[in-house]
C-alpha atoms as a PDB file:
ATOM      1  CA  MET A   1     -33.685 -44.140  86.322  1.00  0.00           C
ATOM      2  CA  THR A   2     -30.306 -43.139  87.472  1.00  0.00           C
ATOM      3  CA  ARG A   3     -29.580 -40.161  89.577  1.00  0.00           C
ATOM      4  CA  PHE A   4     -26.166 -38.537  88.716  1.00  0.00           C
ATOM      5  CA  LEU A   5     -24.080 -36.558  91.275  1.00  0.00           C
ATOM      6  CA  THR A   6     -22.912 -33.089  90.441  1.00  0.00           C
ATOM      7  CA  PRO A   7     -19.571 -31.658  91.088  1.00  0.00           C
ATOM      8  CA  GLN A   8     -21.245 -29.513  93.595  1.00  0.00           C
ATOM      9  CA  GLU A   9     -22.497 -32.671  95.506  1.00  0.00           C
ATOM     10  CA  LEU A  10     -18.858 -34.134  95.430  1.00  0.00           C
ATOM     11  CA  LEU A  11     -17.663 -31.023  97.021  1.00  0.00           C
ATOM     12  CA  GLN A  12     -20.246 -31.579  99.921  1.00  0.00           C
ATOM     13  CA  VAL A  13     -18.956 -35.154 100.196  1.00  0.00           C
ATOM     14  CA  ALA A  14     -15.469 -33.803 100.424  1.00  0.00           C
ATOM     15  CA  GLN A  15     -16.359 -31.600 103.127  1.00  0.00           C
ATOM     16  CA  THR A  16     -17.440 -34.692 105.515  1.00  0.00           C
ATOM     17  CA  LEU A  17     -14.054 -35.716 105.185  1.00  0.00           C
ATOM     18  CA  PRO A  18     -11.933 -35.530 108.282  1.00  0.00           C
ATOM     19  CA  GLY A  19      -9.732 -32.106 108.192  1.00  0.00           C
ATOM     20  CA  ASP A  20     -12.022 -31.087 105.364  1.00  0.00           C
ATOM     21  CA  PRO A  21      -9.402 -30.887 102.539  1.00  0.00           C
ATOM     22  CA  ALA A  22      -9.610 -28.425  99.967  1.00  0.00           C
ATOM     23  CA  CYS A  23     -10.335 -29.239  96.394  1.00  0.00           C
ATOM     24  CA  ARG A  24      -7.062 -28.584  94.369  1.00  0.00           C
ATOM     25  CA  ASP A  25      -8.868 -29.135  90.682  1.00  0.00           C
ATOM     26  CA  LEU A  26     -12.391 -28.532  90.282  1.00  0.00           C
ATOM     27  CA  GLY A  27     -12.370 -29.755  86.737  1.00  0.00           C
ATOM     28  CA  VAL A  28     -11.417 -33.188  88.030  1.00  0.00           C
ATOM     29  CA  LEU A  29     -14.640 -33.213  90.096  1.00  0.00           C
ATOM     30  CA  ASP A  30     -16.343 -32.247  86.796  1.00  0.00           C
ATOM     31  CA  GLY A  31     -14.674 -35.098  84.729  1.00  0.00           C
ATOM     32  CA  ILE A  32     -15.514 -37.592  87.507  1.00  0.00           C
ATOM     33  CA  CYS A  33     -19.232 -36.627  87.070  1.00  0.00           C
ATOM     34  CA  ALA A  34     -19.127 -36.576  83.494  1.00  0.00           C
ATOM     35  CA  ARG A  35     -17.388 -39.892  83.031  1.00  0.00           C
ATOM     36  CA  ALA A  36     -20.438 -41.669  84.872  1.00  0.00           C
ATOM     37  CA  CYS A  37     -23.006 -39.795  82.375  1.00  0.00           C
ATOM     38  CA  ALA A  38     -20.809 -40.642  79.159  1.00  0.00           C
ATOM     39  CA  ARG A  39     -22.619 -41.800  76.368  1.00  0.00           C
ATOM     40  CA  TYR A  40     -21.409 -42.862  72.950  1.00  0.00           C
ATOM     41  CA  MET A  41     -23.762 -43.658  69.801  1.00  0.00           C
ATOM     42  CA  GLY A  42     -26.754 -43.022  71.857  1.00  0.00           C
ATOM     43  CA  ARG A  43     -25.833 -45.415  74.636  1.00  0.00           C
ATOM     44  CA  ASP A  44     -24.465 -45.289  78.186  1.00  0.00           C
ATOM     45  CA  VAL A  45     -20.529 -46.021  77.973  1.00  0.00           C
ATOM     46  CA  TYR A  46     -21.110 -47.562  81.539  1.00  0.00           C
ATOM     47  CA  GLY A  47     -24.344 -49.360  81.169  1.00  0.00           C
ATOM     48  CA  SER A  48     -25.008 -50.111  84.768  1.00  0.00           C
ATOM     49  CA  ASP A  49     -25.063 -48.116  87.930  1.00  0.00           C
ATOM     50  CA  TRP A  50     -22.063 -50.631  89.290  1.00  0.00           C
ATOM     51  CA  LEU A  51     -19.944 -49.543  86.190  1.00  0.00           C
ATOM     52  CA  LYS A  52     -20.852 -45.766  86.681  1.00  0.00           C
ATOM     53  CA  ALA A  53     -19.840 -46.268  90.375  1.00  0.00           C
ATOM     54  CA  ALA A  54     -16.540 -48.117  89.471  1.00  0.00           C
ATOM     55  CA  ALA A  55     -15.710 -45.351  86.788  1.00  0.00           C
ATOM     56  CA  MET A  56     -16.149 -42.820  89.482  1.00  0.00           C
ATOM     57  CA  LEU A  57     -14.014 -44.473  92.091  1.00  0.00           C
ATOM     58  CA  GLU A  58     -11.206 -45.187  89.387  1.00  0.00           C
ATOM     59  CA  SER A  59     -11.431 -41.511  88.125  1.00  0.00           C
ATOM     60  CA  THR A  60     -11.055 -40.186  91.824  1.00  0.00           C
ATOM     61  CA  ALA A  61      -8.508 -42.613  92.873  1.00  0.00           C
ATOM     62  CA  LEU A  62      -6.245 -41.852  89.616  1.00  0.00           C
ATOM     63  CA  HIS A  63      -6.703 -38.190  89.478  1.00  0.00           C
ATOM     64  CA  GLU A  64      -6.659 -37.013  93.191  1.00  0.00           C
ATOM     65  CA  PRO A  65      -8.681 -34.026  92.992  1.00  0.00           C
ATOM     66  CA  LEU A  66      -8.265 -33.116  96.811  1.00  0.00           C
ATOM     67  CA  GLU A  67      -5.221 -31.953  98.693  1.00  0.00           C
ATOM     68  CA  ASP A  68      -5.424 -34.973 101.000  1.00  0.00           C
ATOM     69  CA  LYS A  69      -7.692 -37.931 101.673  1.00  0.00           C
ATOM     70  CA  ASN A  70      -8.187 -39.007  98.105  1.00  0.00           C
ATOM     71  CA  LEU A  71      -8.191 -42.662  98.905  1.00  0.00           C
ATOM     72  CA  PHE A  72     -11.398 -42.168 101.166  1.00  0.00           C
ATOM     73  CA  PHE A  73     -12.889 -39.654  98.860  1.00  0.00           C
ATOM     74  CA  ALA A  74     -12.702 -42.383  96.195  1.00  0.00           C
ATOM     75  CA  TRP A  75     -14.610 -44.789  98.159  1.00  0.00           C
ATOM     76  CA  LEU A  76     -17.191 -42.277  99.117  1.00  0.00           C
ATOM     77  CA  VAL A  77     -17.934 -41.018  95.769  1.00  0.00           C
ATOM     78  CA  ALA A  78     -18.663 -44.397  94.785  1.00  0.00           C
ATOM     79  CA  GLU A  79     -20.762 -45.143  97.712  1.00  0.00           C
ATOM     80  CA  VAL A  80     -22.718 -41.994  97.733  1.00  0.00           C
ATOM     81  CA  PHE A  81     -23.482 -42.470  94.188  1.00  0.00           C
ATOM     82  CA  LEU A  82     -24.971 -45.930  94.848  1.00  0.00           C
ATOM     83  CA  ASN A  83     -26.833 -44.968  97.874  1.00  0.00           C
ATOM     84  CA  THR A  84     -28.348 -42.008  95.903  1.00  0.00           C
ATOM     85  CA  ASN A  85     -29.600 -44.959  93.488  1.00  0.00           C
ATOM     86  CA  GLY A  86     -30.961 -47.189  96.305  1.00  0.00           C
ATOM     87  CA  VAL A  87     -28.137 -49.612  96.545  1.00  0.00           C
ATOM     88  CA  TYR A  88     -26.238 -50.131  99.878  1.00  0.00           C
ATOM     89  CA  LEU A  89     -23.188 -52.033 100.593  1.00  0.00           C
ATOM     90  CA  GLN A  90     -21.814 -54.258 103.499  1.00  0.00           C
ATOM     91  CA  TYR A  91     -17.945 -54.640 103.363  1.00  0.00           C
ATOM     92  CA  LYS A  92     -14.961 -54.519 105.572  1.00  0.00           C
ATOM     93  CA  PRO A  93     -12.979 -50.842 105.594  1.00  0.00           C
ATOM     94  CA  GLU A  94      -9.811 -52.836 104.838  1.00  0.00           C
ATOM     95  CA  ASP A  95     -11.297 -54.518 101.731  1.00  0.00           C
ATOM     96  CA  ALA A  96     -12.877 -51.152 100.571  1.00  0.00           C
ATOM     97  CA  LEU A  97      -9.348 -49.595 100.997  1.00  0.00           C
ATOM     98  CA  ALA A  98      -7.858 -52.543  99.216  1.00  0.00           C
ATOM     99  CA  LEU A  99     -10.216 -52.041  96.076  1.00  0.00           C
ATOM    100  CA  VAL A 100      -9.347 -48.389  95.951  1.00  0.00           C
ATOM    101  CA  LEU A 101      -5.588 -48.859  96.121  1.00  0.00           C
ATOM    102  CA  ARG A 102      -5.984 -51.472  93.308  1.00  0.00           C
ATOM    103  CA  ALA A 103      -7.888 -48.829  91.126  1.00  0.00           C
ATOM    104  CA  LYS A 104      -5.189 -45.945  91.874  1.00  0.00           C
ATOM    105  CA  HIS A 105      -2.253 -48.424  90.996  1.00  0.00           C
ATOM    106  CA  LYS A 106      -4.105 -49.559  87.932  1.00  0.00           C
ATOM    107  CA  SER A 107      -4.416 -53.404  88.886  1.00  0.00           C
ATOM    108  CA  ALA A 108      -8.342 -53.202  88.930  1.00  0.00           C
ATOM    109  CA  GLY A 109     -10.082 -51.687  86.248  1.00  0.00           C
ATOM    110  CA  VAL A 110     -13.747 -50.721  85.901  1.00  0.00           C
ATOM    111  CA  GLN A 111     -15.172 -54.069  85.252  1.00  0.00           C
ATOM    112  CA  GLU A 112     -13.477 -55.813  88.152  1.00  0.00           C
ATOM    113  CA  ILE A 113     -14.271 -52.887  90.411  1.00  0.00           C
ATOM    114  CA  ALA A 114     -17.958 -53.011  89.576  1.00  0.00           C
ATOM    115  CA  ALA A 115     -18.162 -56.737  90.133  1.00  0.00           C
ATOM    116  CA  GLN A 116     -16.565 -56.187  93.834  1.00  0.00           C
ATOM    117  CA  LEU A 117     -19.217 -53.334  94.499  1.00  0.00           C
ATOM    118  CA  ARG A 118     -21.902 -55.493  93.259  1.00  0.00           C
ATOM    119  CA  ALA A 119     -20.879 -58.285  95.387  1.00  0.00           C
ATOM    120  CA  TRP A 120     -21.046 -56.101  98.569  1.00  0.00           C
ATOM    121  CA  ALA A 121     -24.373 -55.081  97.803  1.00  0.00           C
ATOM    122  CA  THR A 122     -27.116 -55.914 100.571  1.00  0.00           C
ATOM    123  CA  ALA A 123     -30.122 -57.556  99.548  1.00  0.00           C
END
């Protein structure tokens, strides 16, 4: 069973960032969490934890809820969600940044982001 993050938990993640950037839009944090939980006609819109994490990463990268450090935050949101659900990743930081940038510039969608996250999963 998936354990979803709350907006309050996302604020706690943001507080771990260098400089503790302020949240400029709490509604975006709520939207990030709601997107991962989305259901339509009784089914999850994002049918796996990989897709849920990817949707959260994409939403964070696109909507930039913090005053600063949104790229790093987008990555942490996805990684913390996966870690909370028992999934751990092994990756090069520059590769993670490249994935977030591709999400931000809409050159990688949720399916592609999820596939890359899955490829980085440790056994």
